[in-house]
Amino acid sequence: MALNQMQVFNEYIMPATIEQLAQMIQKFNEASNGAIRLTTKGFTGDFLQESFFKSLSAAQRRVDRYGANGAAAATDLTQLKHSSVKIAGGIGPIAFEPSQMTWLQQPTGRGVAVASRSLAELMLKDQLNTAIGALAAAVGNRPEAVNDVSATKGLDYVAINGAHAKFGDHSGNLVAQVMSGAAYHKLIERNLTNAQQLFLAGTVQVVDLLGKAVIVTDAPALFAAAQSPAPAKFKVLSLADSAAVVSDGGDVVSNVETRNGNQRIVTTLQVDYSFGLGLKGYSWDESNGGKSPDDAKLFTGTNWQMVASDIKQTAGVLTVADAGK
């Protein structure tokens, strides 16, 4: 097998990966009611900045038609800024021996299909886990959006409903819930049955539970290990439409490198990619969070500043419960 055939792999696999990722994104958005909206619209620059006007609810007042016609305090029309942030990711290097990859001589066949789906699933998983981690951090940093029952009880629908109540008359805007597999099965144990699978990609699945989409995925941010005396905790996100918007950069860059010096020739594949992330009602802190942030910064709640005037206008709410009960 000639080494230049590995370049055939490189040229074919990346367009296939991008196409596969786009297809998976569309299916995920449809199944999850758009709570975590994955897009392929691209992202230019380090930050995406959008302006909007602050609510004018403070301008509403009662008028006494028979009283003195005194001065009324003016409410300023205030423009606010919402920032999303660009995140870099990578896969590999993945090492293989050309002599063991003869199947790549047919780049449009099964080999490319399997490899492109695997890479696309890894990118989708990264985008989803990053969005969930940032949501858990941002929402968890707002006491008015958290129902923490971990000191007294385990996860049940009463606890989740208590979190929904944080949205008051806007609770109907919560369209999906995100939880780990263990948390999901804890609810099943408590007679929340009749779940219908809507989407499956790798370890990420979306089911329907009591009329609402439930995204079941073992994202690290959905579980907190025990730290004595505090117990291990389940975290469940209840999200509004477009709670998180992930903008895939469509800029997958790959490189295949072959080196000598070992008993057998070794080839490595490495992939770089990027995507943008924005959270509903929260703005990325460009000064403290900075450019091209790592997970530690992305998952720090104070790096996501609430810019909405009311918690009801934000991404959603969080339920925290004892994982052992």
C-alpha atoms as a PDB file:
ATOM      1  CA  MET A   1       0.000   0.000   0.000  1.00  0.00           C
ATOM      2  CA  ALA A   2       1.497   3.332  -1.098  1.00  0.00           C
ATOM      3  CA  LEU A   3       1.821   5.980   1.576  1.00  0.00           C
ATOM      4  CA  ASN A   4       0.166   8.603  -0.613  1.00  0.00           C
ATOM      5  CA  GLN A   5      -3.033   6.650  -0.259  1.00  0.00           C
ATOM      6  CA  MET A   6      -3.254   7.982   3.299  1.00  0.00           C
ATOM      7  CA  GLN A   7      -3.813  11.412   1.746  1.00  0.00           C
ATOM      8  CA  VAL A   8      -6.857   9.988   0.028  1.00  0.00           C
ATOM      9  CA  PHE A   9      -8.139   9.244   3.523  1.00  0.00           C
ATOM     10  CA  ASN A  10      -7.400  12.782   4.587  1.00  0.00           C
ATOM     11  CA  GLU A  11      -9.141  14.396   1.628  1.00  0.00           C
ATOM     12  CA  TYR A  12     -12.255  12.284   1.785  1.00  0.00           C
ATOM     13  CA  ILE A  13     -12.757  11.859   5.487  1.00  0.00           C
ATOM     14  CA  MET A  14     -13.043  15.536   6.442  1.00  0.00           C
ATOM     15  CA  PRO A  15     -15.888  16.474   4.056  1.00  0.00           C
ATOM     16  CA  ALA A  16     -17.627  13.269   5.100  1.00  0.00           C
ATOM     17  CA  THR A  17     -17.193  14.196   8.749  1.00  0.00           C
ATOM     18  CA  ILE A  18     -18.612  17.688   8.230  1.00  0.00           C
ATOM     19  CA  GLU A  19     -21.613  16.296   6.344  1.00  0.00           C
ATOM     20  CA  GLN A  20     -22.183  13.622   8.978  1.00  0.00           C
ATOM     21  CA  LEU A  21     -21.981  16.192  11.781  1.00  0.00           C
ATOM     22  CA  ALA A  22     -24.511  18.429  10.028  1.00  0.00           C
ATOM     23  CA  GLN A  23     -26.953  15.543   9.716  1.00  0.00           C
ATOM     24  CA  MET A  24     -26.570  14.590  13.389  1.00  0.00           C
ATOM     25  CA  ILE A  25     -27.025  18.209  14.479  1.00  0.00           C
ATOM     26  CA  GLN A  26     -30.292  18.508  12.581  1.00  0.00           C
ATOM     27  CA  LYS A  27     -31.652  15.314  14.134  1.00  0.00           C
ATOM     28  CA  PHE A  28     -30.559  16.379  17.633  1.00  0.00           C
ATOM     29  CA  ASN A  29     -32.209  19.805  17.355  1.00  0.00           C
ATOM     30  CA  GLU A  30     -35.469  18.296  16.188  1.00  0.00           C
ATOM     31  CA  ALA A  31     -35.516  15.692  18.958  1.00  0.00           C
ATOM     32  CA  SER A  32     -34.546  17.976  21.861  1.00  0.00           C
ATOM     33  CA  ASN A  33     -37.036  20.779  21.123  1.00  0.00           C
ATOM     34  CA  GLY A  34     -34.143  23.136  20.423  1.00  0.00           C
ATOM     35  CA  ALA A  35     -33.186  23.528  24.092  1.00  0.00           C
ATOM     36  CA  ILE A  36     -29.516  23.069  23.229  1.00  0.00           C
ATOM     37  CA  ARG A  37     -29.419  24.320  19.681  1.00  0.00           C
ATOM     38  CA  LEU A  38     -26.514  23.021  17.622  1.00  0.00           C
ATOM     39  CA  THR A  39     -25.944  24.972  14.416  1.00  0.00           C
ATOM     40  CA  THR A  40     -23.532  24.931  11.491  1.00  0.00           C
ATOM     41  CA  LYS A  41     -23.728  28.661  10.739  1.00  0.00           C
ATOM     42  CA  GLY A  42     -20.086  29.334  11.628  1.00  0.00           C
ATOM     43  CA  PHE A  43     -18.437  31.740  14.065  1.00  0.00           C
ATOM     44  CA  THR A  44     -16.128  34.626  13.115  1.00  0.00           C
ATOM     45  CA  GLY A  45     -13.615  36.089  15.557  1.00  0.00           C
ATOM     46  CA  ASP A  46     -12.958  35.359  19.236  1.00  0.00           C
ATOM     47  CA  PHE A  47     -16.369  36.623  20.373  1.00  0.00           C
ATOM     48  CA  LEU A  48     -19.795  37.104  18.840  1.00  0.00           C
ATOM     49  CA  GLN A  49     -21.346  40.259  20.270  1.00  0.00           C
ATOM     50  CA  GLU A  50     -25.031  41.063  19.955  1.00  0.00           C
ATOM     51  CA  SER A  51     -26.845  44.070  21.360  1.00  0.00           C
ATOM     52  CA  PHE A  52     -30.345  44.206  22.789  1.00  0.00           C
ATOM     53  CA  PHE A  53     -32.446  46.631  24.811  1.00  0.00           C
ATOM     54  CA  LYS A  54     -33.155  46.258  28.512  1.00  0.00           C
ATOM     55  CA  SER A  55     -36.739  45.576  29.498  1.00  0.00           C
ATOM     56  CA  LEU A  56     -38.878  48.678  29.927  1.00  0.00           C
ATOM     57  CA  SER A  57     -41.075  47.109  32.608  1.00  0.00           C
ATOM     58  CA  ALA A  58     -39.872  49.737  35.099  1.00  0.00           C
ATOM     59  CA  ALA A  59     -41.480  52.454  32.967  1.00  0.00           C
ATOM     60  CA  GLN A  60     -44.986  51.197  33.655  1.00  0.00           C
ATOM     61  CA  ARG A  61     -46.767  53.235  36.311  1.00  0.00           C
ATOM     62  CA  ARG A  62     -50.208  54.028  37.707  1.00  0.00           C
ATOM     63  CA  VAL A  63     -51.782  57.407  36.937  1.00  0.00           C
ATOM     64  CA  ASP A  64     -54.121  59.434  39.191  1.00  0.00           C
ATOM     65  CA  ARG A  65     -56.355  61.406  36.843  1.00  0.00           C
ATOM     66  CA  TYR A  66     -57.593  63.603  39.685  1.00  0.00           C
ATOM     67  CA  GLY A  67     -54.285  64.270  41.421  1.00  0.00           C
ATOM     68  CA  ALA A  68     -51.687  66.961  40.897  1.00  0.00           C
ATOM     69  CA  ASN A  69     -49.894  66.697  37.554  1.00  0.00           C
ATOM     70  CA  GLY A  70     -46.405  66.339  39.017  1.00  0.00           C
ATOM     71  CA  ALA A  71     -43.175  65.268  37.356  1.00  0.00           C
ATOM     72  CA  ALA A  72     -42.672  61.603  36.430  1.00  0.00           C
ATOM     73  CA  ALA A  73     -39.272  59.974  36.624  1.00  0.00           C
ATOM     74  CA  ALA A  74     -37.912  58.968  33.219  1.00  0.00           C
ATOM     75  CA  THR A  75     -36.762  55.435  32.445  1.00  0.00           C
ATOM     76  CA  ASP A  76     -33.706  55.333  30.228  1.00  0.00           C
ATOM     77  CA  LEU A  77     -33.708  53.183  27.117  1.00  0.00           C
ATOM     78  CA  THR A  78     -30.645  51.057  27.874  1.00  0.00           C
ATOM     79  CA  GLN A  79     -28.749  48.963  25.369  1.00  0.00           C
ATOM     80  CA  LEU A  80     -27.038  45.814  26.685  1.00  0.00           C
ATOM     81  CA  LYS A  81     -24.511  43.452  25.129  1.00  0.00           C
ATOM     82  CA  HIS A  82     -24.566  39.672  24.884  1.00  0.00           C
ATOM     83  CA  SER A  83     -21.295  37.893  24.115  1.00  0.00           C
ATOM     84  CA  SER A  84     -20.724  34.347  22.903  1.00  0.00           C
ATOM     85  CA  VAL A  85     -17.249  32.841  22.937  1.00  0.00           C
ATOM     86  CA  LYS A  86     -15.254  30.790  20.441  1.00  0.00           C
ATOM     87  CA  ILE A  87     -13.844  27.490  21.707  1.00  0.00           C
ATOM     88  CA  ALA A  88     -11.113  25.373  20.171  1.00  0.00           C
ATOM     89  CA  GLY A  89     -11.031  21.582  20.162  1.00  0.00           C
ATOM     90  CA  GLY A  90      -8.961  18.790  18.736  1.00  0.00           C
ATOM     91  CA  ILE A  91      -8.870  15.045  18.191  1.00  0.00           C
ATOM     92  CA  GLY A  92      -5.728  12.977  18.197  1.00  0.00           C
ATOM     93  CA  PRO A  93      -3.123  12.387  17.159  1.00  0.00           C
ATOM     94  CA  ILE A  94      -4.489   8.970  16.218  1.00  0.00           C
ATOM     95  CA  ALA A  95      -1.726   6.550  15.298  1.00  0.00           C
ATOM     96  CA  PHE A  96      -2.042   3.636  12.904  1.00  0.00           C
ATOM     97  CA  GLU A  97       0.143   1.570  10.621  1.00  0.00           C
ATOM     98  CA  PRO A  98      -0.512   1.941   6.883  1.00  0.00           C
ATOM     99  CA  SER A  99      -0.093  -1.774   6.343  1.00  0.00           C
ATOM    100  CA  GLN A 100      -3.091  -2.392   8.597  1.00  0.00           C
ATOM    101  CA  MET A 101      -5.317   0.114   6.801  1.00  0.00           C
ATOM    102  CA  THR A 102      -5.697  -1.445   3.369  1.00  0.00           C
ATOM    103  CA  TRP A 103      -9.422  -0.864   3.561  1.00  0.00           C
ATOM    104  CA  LEU A 104      -8.744   2.835   2.962  1.00  0.00           C
ATOM    105  CA  GLN A 105      -8.027   2.076  -0.699  1.00  0.00           C
ATOM    106  CA  GLN A 106     -11.765   2.559  -1.201  1.00  0.00           C
ATOM    107  CA  PRO A 107     -12.350   5.924   0.486  1.00  0.00           C
ATOM    108  CA  THR A 108     -16.049   6.049  -0.348  1.00  0.00           C
ATOM    109  CA  GLY A 109     -16.705   2.699   1.261  1.00  0.00           C
ATOM    110  CA  ARG A 110     -17.352   1.479   4.745  1.00  0.00           C
ATOM    111  CA  GLY A 111     -14.040   2.685   6.177  1.00  0.00           C
ATOM    112  CA  VAL A 112     -14.723   6.351   5.515  1.00  0.00           C
ATOM    113  CA  ALA A 113     -18.317   6.024   6.716  1.00  0.00           C
ATOM    114  CA  VAL A 114     -17.255   4.464  10.021  1.00  0.00           C
ATOM    115  CA  ALA A 115     -14.379   6.887  10.606  1.00  0.00           C
ATOM    116  CA  SER A 116     -16.393   9.998   9.687  1.00  0.00           C
ATOM    117  CA  ARG A 117     -19.261   8.996  11.988  1.00  0.00           C
ATOM    118  CA  SER A 118     -16.837   8.348  14.831  1.00  0.00           C
ATOM    119  CA  LEU A 119     -15.169  11.752  14.439  1.00  0.00           C
ATOM    120  CA  ALA A 120     -18.544  13.474  14.092  1.00  0.00           C
ATOM    121  CA  GLU A 121     -19.811  11.795  17.276  1.00  0.00           C
ATOM    122  CA  LEU A 122     -16.709  12.926  19.157  1.00  0.00           C
ATOM    123  CA  MET A 123     -17.238  16.522  18.015  1.00  0.00           C
ATOM    124  CA  LEU A 124     -20.945  16.404  18.836  1.00  0.00           C
ATOM    125  CA  LYS A 125     -20.155  14.997  22.275  1.00  0.00           C
ATOM    126  CA  ASP A 126     -17.620  17.757  22.924  1.00  0.00           C
ATOM    127  CA  GLN A 127     -20.057  20.471  21.850  1.00  0.00           C
ATOM    128  CA  LEU A 128     -22.848  19.002  23.958  1.00  0.00           C
ATOM    129  CA  ASN A 129     -20.719  18.401  27.068  1.00  0.00           C
ATOM    130  CA  THR A 130     -19.279  21.906  26.831  1.00  0.00           C
ATOM    131  CA  ALA A 131     -22.722  23.471  26.498  1.00  0.00           C
ATOM    132  CA  ILE A 132     -24.057  21.431  29.444  1.00  0.00           C
ATOM    133  CA  GLY A 133     -21.043  22.271  31.602  1.00  0.00           C
ATOM    134  CA  ALA A 134     -21.378  25.978  30.887  1.00  0.00           C
ATOM    135  CA  LEU A 135     -25.141  25.892  31.518  1.00  0.00           C
ATOM    136  CA  ALA A 136     -24.712  24.067  34.823  1.00  0.00           C
ATOM    137  CA  ALA A 137     -22.102  26.629  35.873  1.00  0.00           C
ATOM    138  CA  ALA A 138     -24.026  29.728  34.796  1.00  0.00           C
ATOM    139  CA  VAL A 139     -27.433  28.619  36.084  1.00  0.00           C
ATOM    140  CA  GLY A 140     -25.916  27.086  39.223  1.00  0.00           C
ATOM    141  CA  ASN A 141     -24.354  30.441  40.053  1.00  0.00           C
ATOM    142  CA  ARG A 142     -27.815  32.045  40.347  1.00  0.00           C
ATOM    143  CA  PRO A 143     -29.534  31.040  43.632  1.00  0.00           C
ATOM    144  CA  GLU A 144     -32.896  32.187  42.266  1.00  0.00           C
ATOM    145  CA  ALA A 145     -32.605  29.538  39.516  1.00  0.00           C
ATOM    146  CA  VAL A 146     -31.596  26.558  41.697  1.00  0.00           C
ATOM    147  CA  ASN A 147     -33.715  24.124  43.690  1.00  0.00           C
ATOM    148  CA  ASP A 148     -31.179  22.295  45.870  1.00  0.00           C
ATOM    149  CA  VAL A 149     -32.796  19.502  47.891  1.00  0.00           C
ATOM    150  CA  SER A 150     -29.605  17.446  48.294  1.00  0.00           C
ATOM    151  CA  ALA A 151     -29.473  18.010  52.054  1.00  0.00           C
ATOM    152  CA  THR A 152     -32.746  16.182  52.627  1.00  0.00           C
ATOM    153  CA  LYS A 153     -33.863  14.099  49.662  1.00  0.00           C
ATOM    154  CA  GLY A 154     -33.060  12.358  46.423  1.00  0.00           C
ATOM    155  CA  LEU A 155     -34.189  13.082  42.878  1.00  0.00           C
ATOM    156  CA  ASP A 156     -37.879  12.926  42.091  1.00  0.00           C
ATOM    157  CA  TYR A 157     -40.272  14.839  39.921  1.00  0.00           C
ATOM    158  CA  VAL A 158     -41.399  16.947  42.896  1.00  0.00           C
ATOM    159  CA  ALA A 159     -37.859  18.304  43.151  1.00  0.00           C
ATOM    160  CA  ILE A 160     -37.719  18.997  39.415  1.00  0.00           C
ATOM    161  CA  ASN A 161     -41.127  20.654  39.574  1.00  0.00           C
ATOM    162  CA  GLY A 162     -39.792  22.822  42.389  1.00  0.00           C
ATOM    163  CA  ALA A 163     -37.055  24.018  40.070  1.00  0.00           C
ATOM    164  CA  HIS A 164     -39.625  24.707  37.337  1.00  0.00           C
ATOM    165  CA  ALA A 165     -41.486  26.902  39.819  1.00  0.00           C
ATOM    166  CA  LYS A 166     -38.491  29.256  39.779  1.00  0.00           C
ATOM    167  CA  PHE A 167     -39.730  30.350  36.343  1.00  0.00           C
ATOM    168  CA  GLY A 168     -43.164  31.177  37.753  1.00  0.00           C
ATOM    169  CA  ASP A 169     -45.653  31.932  34.985  1.00  0.00           C
ATOM    170  CA  HIS A 170     -42.906  31.256  32.422  1.00  0.00           C
ATOM    171  CA  SER A 171     -42.447  27.610  33.463  1.00  0.00           C
ATOM    172  CA  GLY A 172     -44.232  26.541  30.296  1.00  0.00           C
ATOM    173  CA  ASN A 173     -41.220  27.893  28.374  1.00  0.00           C
ATOM    174  CA  LEU A 174     -39.074  25.070  29.741  1.00  0.00           C
ATOM    175  CA  VAL A 175     -39.016  22.613  26.850  1.00  0.00           C
ATOM    176  CA  ALA A 176     -36.457  19.975  27.811  1.00  0.00           C
ATOM    177  CA  GLN A 177     -34.540  18.494  30.700  1.00  0.00           C
ATOM    178  CA  VAL A 178     -30.957  17.274  30.726  1.00  0.00           C
ATOM    179  CA  MET A 179     -29.851  14.539  33.099  1.00  0.00           C
ATOM    180  CA  SER A 180     -27.423  11.658  33.456  1.00  0.00           C
ATOM    181  CA  GLY A 181     -28.360   8.067  32.772  1.00  0.00           C
ATOM    182  CA  ALA A 182     -28.292   7.268  36.494  1.00  0.00           C
ATOM    183  CA  ALA A 183     -30.603  10.189  37.276  1.00  0.00           C
ATOM    184  CA  TYR A 184     -32.969   9.151  34.485  1.00  0.00           C
ATOM    185  CA  HIS A 185     -33.210   5.600  35.811  1.00  0.00           C
ATOM    186  CA  LYS A 186     -33.731   6.929  39.325  1.00  0.00           C
ATOM    187  CA  LEU A 187     -36.859   8.638  37.997  1.00  0.00           C
ATOM    188  CA  ILE A 188     -37.905   5.452  36.196  1.00  0.00           C
ATOM    189  CA  GLU A 189     -37.675   3.629  39.529  1.00  0.00           C
ATOM    190  CA  ARG A 190     -40.166   6.138  40.863  1.00  0.00           C
ATOM    191  CA  ASN A 191     -42.779   5.210  38.283  1.00  0.00           C
ATOM    192  CA  LEU A 192     -41.970   7.779  35.611  1.00  0.00           C
ATOM    193  CA  THR A 193     -42.415   5.319  32.769  1.00  0.00           C
ATOM    194  CA  ASN A 194     -43.466   5.378  29.129  1.00  0.00           C
ATOM    195  CA  ALA A 195     -40.275   6.892  27.715  1.00  0.00           C
ATOM    196  CA  GLN A 196     -39.899   7.057  23.935  1.00  0.00           C
ATOM    197  CA  GLN A 197     -36.445   7.317  22.353  1.00  0.00           C
ATOM    198  CA  LEU A 198     -36.190  10.215  19.901  1.00  0.00           C
ATOM    199  CA  PHE A 199     -32.466  10.430  19.092  1.00  0.00           C
ATOM    200  CA  LEU A 200     -29.326   8.358  19.622  1.00  0.00           C
ATOM    201  CA  ALA A 201     -25.693   9.207  18.827  1.00  0.00           C
ATOM    202  CA  GLY A 202     -22.983   7.354  20.673  1.00  0.00           C
ATOM    203  CA  THR A 203     -23.779   7.682  24.374  1.00  0.00           C
ATOM    204  CA  VAL A 204     -26.150  10.625  23.909  1.00  0.00           C
ATOM    205  CA  GLN A 205     -29.855   9.864  23.682  1.00  0.00           C
ATOM    206  CA  VAL A 206     -33.006  11.945  23.767  1.00  0.00           C
ATOM    207  CA  VAL A 207     -36.210  10.450  25.147  1.00  0.00           C
ATOM    208  CA  ASP A 208     -39.715  11.728  25.733  1.00  0.00           C
ATOM    209  CA  LEU A 209     -40.813  11.756  29.361  1.00  0.00           C
ATOM    210  CA  LEU A 210     -44.255  12.972  30.377  1.00  0.00           C
ATOM    211  CA  GLY A 211     -44.567  15.109  27.264  1.00  0.00           C
ATOM    212  CA  LYS A 212     -41.179  16.840  27.576  1.00  0.00           C
ATOM    213  CA  ALA A 213     -37.942  15.904  25.858  1.00  0.00           C
ATOM    214  CA  VAL A 214     -35.309  14.548  28.235  1.00  0.00           C
ATOM    215  CA  ILE A 215     -31.722  14.568  27.018  1.00  0.00           C
ATOM    216  CA  VAL A 216     -29.990  11.620  28.664  1.00  0.00           C
ATOM    217  CA  THR A 217     -26.215  11.948  28.591  1.00  0.00           C
ATOM    218  CA  ASP A 218     -23.495  11.292  31.149  1.00  0.00           C
ATOM    219  CA  ALA A 219     -21.962  14.730  30.851  1.00  0.00           C
ATOM    220  CA  PRO A 220     -19.498  15.240  33.748  1.00  0.00           C
ATOM    221  CA  ALA A 221     -21.258  18.437  34.855  1.00  0.00           C
ATOM    222  CA  LEU A 222     -24.443  16.534  35.710  1.00  0.00           C
ATOM    223  CA  PHE A 223     -22.879  14.699  38.643  1.00  0.00           C
ATOM    224  CA  ALA A 224     -20.907  15.949  41.630  1.00  0.00           C
ATOM    225  CA  ALA A 225     -18.847  13.476  43.647  1.00  0.00           C
ATOM    226  CA  ALA A 226     -19.315  13.295  47.405  1.00  0.00           C
ATOM    227  CA  GLN A 227     -17.268  15.706  49.465  1.00  0.00           C
ATOM    228  CA  SER A 228     -17.821  14.878  53.122  1.00  0.00           C
ATOM    229  CA  PRO A 229     -20.114  15.785  54.706  1.00  0.00           C
ATOM    230  CA  ALA A 230     -21.919  16.636  51.459  1.00  0.00           C
ATOM    231  CA  PRO A 231     -23.284  13.623  49.522  1.00  0.00           C
ATOM    232  CA  ALA A 232     -22.814  12.818  45.851  1.00  0.00           C
ATOM    233  CA  LYS A 233     -25.288  14.880  43.851  1.00  0.00           C
ATOM    234  CA  PHE A 234     -27.371  14.582  40.705  1.00  0.00           C
ATOM    235  CA  LYS A 235     -27.855  17.760  38.704  1.00  0.00           C
ATOM    236  CA  VAL A 236     -30.779  18.143  36.309  1.00  0.00           C
ATOM    237  CA  LEU A 237     -31.052  21.093  33.945  1.00  0.00           C
ATOM    238  CA  SER A 238     -34.510  22.224  32.841  1.00  0.00           C
ATOM    239  CA  LEU A 239     -34.011  24.391  29.787  1.00  0.00           C
ATOM    240  CA  ALA A 240     -35.885  26.928  27.699  1.00  0.00           C
ATOM    241  CA  ASP A 241     -35.746  27.095  23.925  1.00  0.00           C
ATOM    242  CA  SER A 242     -32.253  28.056  22.702  1.00  0.00           C
ATOM    243  CA  ALA A 243     -30.871  27.902  26.239  1.00  0.00           C
ATOM    244  CA  ALA A 244     -27.502  27.237  24.654  1.00  0.00           C
ATOM    245  CA  VAL A 245     -26.541  27.913  21.052  1.00  0.00           C
ATOM    246  CA  VAL A 246     -23.527  26.065  19.707  1.00  0.00           C
ATOM    247  CA  SER A 247     -22.237  27.423  16.397  1.00  0.00           C
ATOM    248  CA  ASP A 248     -20.071  24.840  14.682  1.00  0.00           C
ATOM    249  CA  GLY A 249     -17.243  26.601  12.884  1.00  0.00           C
ATOM    250  CA  GLY A 250     -17.242  24.243   9.893  1.00  0.00           C
ATOM    251  CA  ASP A 251     -13.480  24.706   9.988  1.00  0.00           C
ATOM    252  CA  VAL A 252     -12.320  21.139  10.517  1.00  0.00           C
ATOM    253  CA  VAL A 253      -8.600  21.034   9.749  1.00  0.00           C
ATOM    254  CA  SER A 254      -6.842  17.685   9.496  1.00  0.00           C
ATOM    255  CA  ASN A 255      -3.318  16.543   8.875  1.00  0.00           C
ATOM    256  CA  VAL A 256      -1.858  13.134   8.132  1.00  0.00           C
ATOM    257  CA  GLU A 257       1.817  12.621   8.946  1.00  0.00           C
ATOM    258  CA  THR A 258       3.915   9.538   8.256  1.00  0.00           C
ATOM    259  CA  ARG A 259       7.210   8.871   9.991  1.00  0.00           C
ATOM    260  CA  ASN A 260       9.994   6.309   9.702  1.00  0.00           C
ATOM    261  CA  GLY A 261      12.379   5.038  12.371  1.00  0.00           C
ATOM    262  CA  ASN A 262      10.352   2.217  13.893  1.00  0.00           C
ATOM    263  CA  GLN A 263      10.251  -1.373  12.742  1.00  0.00           C
ATOM    264  CA  ARG A 264       7.033  -0.506  10.934  1.00  0.00           C
ATOM    265  CA  ILE A 265       5.959   2.767   9.345  1.00  0.00           C
ATOM    266  CA  VAL A 266       3.601   4.749  11.557  1.00  0.00           C
ATOM    267  CA  THR A 267       1.056   7.306  10.363  1.00  0.00           C
ATOM    268  CA  THR A 268      -0.835   9.728  12.589  1.00  0.00           C
ATOM    269  CA  LEU A 269      -4.039  11.669  11.986  1.00  0.00           C
ATOM    270  CA  GLN A 270      -4.776  14.865  13.910  1.00  0.00           C
ATOM    271  CA  VAL A 271      -7.880  17.039  13.698  1.00  0.00           C
ATOM    272  CA  ASP A 272      -8.517  20.605  14.893  1.00  0.00           C
ATOM    273  CA  TYR A 273     -11.921  22.273  15.003  1.00  0.00           C
ATOM    274  CA  SER A 274     -13.749  25.125  16.697  1.00  0.00           C
ATOM    275  CA  PHE A 275     -17.231  26.174  17.716  1.00  0.00           C
ATOM    276  CA  GLY A 276     -18.923  29.121  19.370  1.00  0.00           C
ATOM    277  CA  LEU A 277     -21.052  28.976  22.515  1.00  0.00           C
ATOM    278  CA  GLY A 278     -23.677  31.406  23.767  1.00  0.00           C
ATOM    279  CA  LEU A 279     -26.118  31.045  26.677  1.00  0.00           C
ATOM    280  CA  LYS A 280     -29.583  32.597  26.807  1.00  0.00           C
ATOM    281  CA  GLY A 281     -29.678  35.505  29.226  1.00  0.00           C
ATOM    282  CA  TYR A 282     -25.970  35.243  30.041  1.00  0.00           C
ATOM    283  CA  SER A 283     -22.990  36.986  28.491  1.00  0.00           C
ATOM    284  CA  TRP A 284     -19.442  35.654  28.389  1.00  0.00           C
ATOM    285  CA  ASP A 285     -17.093  37.775  30.509  1.00  0.00           C
ATOM    286  CA  GLU A 286     -14.506  38.740  27.905  1.00  0.00           C
ATOM    287  CA  SER A 287     -12.125  40.196  30.494  1.00  0.00           C
ATOM    288  CA  ASN A 288     -12.066  37.405  33.093  1.00  0.00           C
ATOM    289  CA  GLY A 289     -12.975  34.463  30.866  1.00  0.00           C
ATOM    290  CA  GLY A 290     -10.832  35.666  27.988  1.00  0.00           C
ATOM    291  CA  LYS A 291     -10.241  34.281  24.511  1.00  0.00           C
ATOM    292  CA  SER A 292     -10.119  30.599  23.564  1.00  0.00           C
ATOM    293  CA  PRO A 293     -10.998  29.469  27.119  1.00  0.00           C
ATOM    294  CA  ASP A 294     -10.307  26.043  28.580  1.00  0.00           C
ATOM    295  CA  ASP A 295     -12.921  23.979  30.420  1.00  0.00           C
ATOM    296  CA  ALA A 296     -11.956  25.408  33.811  1.00  0.00           C
ATOM    297  CA  LYS A 297     -12.906  28.902  32.657  1.00  0.00           C
ATOM    298  CA  LEU A 298     -15.973  27.777  30.711  1.00  0.00           C
ATOM    299  CA  PHE A 299     -17.306  25.912  33.736  1.00  0.00           C
ATOM    300  CA  THR A 300     -16.809  28.806  36.165  1.00  0.00           C
ATOM    301  CA  GLY A 301     -20.192  30.364  36.832  1.00  0.00           C
ATOM    302  CA  THR A 302     -18.904  33.892  37.421  1.00  0.00           C
ATOM    303  CA  ASN A 303     -17.500  33.978  33.886  1.00  0.00           C
ATOM    304  CA  TRP A 304     -21.100  33.974  32.623  1.00  0.00           C
ATOM    305  CA  GLN A 305     -22.736  37.248  33.621  1.00  0.00           C
ATOM    306  CA  MET A 306     -26.510  37.402  33.745  1.00  0.00           C
ATOM    307  CA  VAL A 307     -27.651  40.211  31.437  1.00  0.00           C
ATOM    308  CA  ALA A 308     -31.380  39.416  31.323  1.00  0.00           C
ATOM    309  CA  SER A 309     -33.512  41.560  33.622  1.00  0.00           C
ATOM    310  CA  ASP A 310     -35.360  38.543  35.056  1.00  0.00           C
ATOM    311  CA  ILE A 311     -34.414  34.912  35.643  1.00  0.00           C
ATOM    312  CA  LYS A 312     -37.505  33.966  33.615  1.00  0.00           C
ATOM    313  CA  GLN A 313     -35.757  35.331  30.521  1.00  0.00           C
ATOM    314  CA  THR A 314     -32.681  33.133  30.933  1.00  0.00           C
ATOM    315  CA  ALA A 315     -31.568  29.648  29.916  1.00  0.00           C
ATOM    316  CA  GLY A 316     -33.421  27.694  32.589  1.00  0.00           C
ATOM    317  CA  VAL A 317     -33.231  26.246  36.080  1.00  0.00           C
ATOM    318  CA  LEU A 318     -31.278  23.582  37.954  1.00  0.00           C
ATOM    319  CA  THR A 319     -32.324  20.785  40.313  1.00  0.00           C
ATOM    320  CA  VAL A 320     -29.714  19.399  42.716  1.00  0.00           C
ATOM    321  CA  ALA A 321     -30.491  16.200  44.655  1.00  0.00           C
ATOM    322  CA  ASP A 322     -28.773  13.541  46.752  1.00  0.00           C
ATOM    323  CA  ALA A 323     -27.617  10.833  44.332  1.00  0.00           C
ATOM    324  CA  GLY A 324     -27.738   8.164  47.039  1.00  0.00           C
ATOM    325  CA  LYS A 325     -31.388   8.526  47.991  1.00  0.00           C
END
